[in-house]
């Protein structure tokens, strides 16, 4: 259970970075 929680957290962090990058490209 701990491993899956870490995996979800890491995936969420990557998704946030990805969204921020897409938003920056759109704003540019």
N, C-alpha and C. Protein backbone atom coordinates (compact mmCIF):
# COMPACT_ATOMS: atom_id res chain seq x y z
N UNK A 1 0.83 -1.20 0.00
CA UNK A 1 0.00 0.00 0.00
C UNK A 1 0.87 1.25 0.00
N UNK A 2 1.95 1.20 0.75
CA UNK A 2 2.84 2.37 0.81
C UNK A 2 3.45 2.63 -0.57
N UNK A 3 3.82 1.56 -1.25
CA UNK A 3 4.44 1.72 -2.57
C UNK A 3 3.46 2.38 -3.55
N UNK A 4 2.22 1.94 -3.53
CA UNK A 4 1.23 2.52 -4.46
C UNK A 4 0.99 3.98 -4.13
N UNK A 5 1.02 4.32 -2.83
CA UNK A 5 0.81 5.71 -2.43
C UNK A 5 1.94 6.58 -2.97
N UNK A 6 3.16 6.07 -2.88
CA UNK A 6 4.31 6.82 -3.39
C UNK A 6 4.20 6.96 -4.91
N UNK A 7 3.76 5.89 -5.56
CA UNK A 7 3.64 5.91 -7.01
C UNK A 7 2.61 6.95 -7.44
N UNK A 8 1.48 6.99 -6.74
CA UNK A 8 0.44 7.96 -7.07
C UNK A 8 0.94 9.37 -6.85
N UNK A 9 1.67 9.57 -5.76
CA UNK A 9 2.19 10.91 -5.46
C UNK A 9 3.17 11.34 -6.54
N UNK A 10 4.05 10.44 -6.96
CA UNK A 10 5.03 10.78 -7.99
C UNK A 10 4.33 11.07 -9.31
N UNK A 11 3.31 10.28 -9.61
CA UNK A 11 2.57 10.48 -10.86
C UNK A 11 1.86 11.83 -10.84
N UNK A 12 1.30 12.18 -9.68
CA UNK A 12 0.60 13.47 -9.57
C UNK A 12 1.57 14.62 -9.74
N UNK A 13 2.78 14.45 -9.18
CA UNK A 13 3.78 15.52 -9.30
C UNK A 13 4.18 15.68 -10.76
N UNK A 14 4.37 14.58 -11.47
CA UNK A 14 4.75 14.67 -12.89
C UNK A 14 3.62 15.30 -13.70
N UNK A 15 2.38 14.95 -13.35
CA UNK A 15 1.23 15.49 -14.08
C UNK A 15 1.14 17.00 -13.89
N UNK A 16 1.45 17.47 -12.65
CA UNK A 16 1.41 18.91 -12.39
C UNK A 16 2.48 19.62 -13.22
N UNK A 17 3.66 19.03 -13.30
CA UNK A 17 4.74 19.64 -14.09
C UNK A 17 4.34 19.66 -15.56
N UNK A 18 3.73 18.58 -16.02
CA UNK A 18 3.31 18.50 -17.42
C UNK A 18 2.26 19.57 -17.73
N UNK A 19 1.27 19.73 -16.84
CA UNK A 19 0.23 20.74 -17.05
C UNK A 19 0.82 22.14 -17.05
N UNK A 20 1.78 22.37 -16.15
CA UNK A 20 2.41 23.70 -16.07
C UNK A 20 3.15 23.99 -17.37
N UNK A 21 3.79 22.96 -17.92
CA UNK A 21 4.55 23.14 -19.17
C UNK A 21 3.60 23.44 -20.32
N UNK A 22 2.50 22.72 -20.39
CA UNK A 22 1.52 22.94 -21.46
C UNK A 22 0.92 24.33 -21.33
N UNK A 23 0.62 24.73 -20.10
CA UNK A 23 0.05 26.06 -19.87
C UNK A 23 1.02 27.15 -20.31
N UNK A 24 2.30 26.94 -20.03
CA UNK A 24 3.32 27.92 -20.40
C UNK A 24 3.40 28.01 -21.93
N UNK A 25 3.32 26.87 -22.60
CA UNK A 25 3.40 26.88 -24.06
C UNK A 25 2.19 27.60 -24.65
N UNK A 26 1.02 27.40 -24.04
CA UNK A 26 -0.19 28.05 -24.54
C UNK A 26 -0.13 29.55 -24.31
N UNK A 27 0.40 29.95 -23.18
CA UNK A 27 0.46 31.38 -22.84
C UNK A 27 1.48 32.10 -23.71
N UNK A 28 2.53 31.39 -24.12
CA UNK A 28 3.60 32.03 -24.89
C UNK A 28 3.05 32.55 -26.22
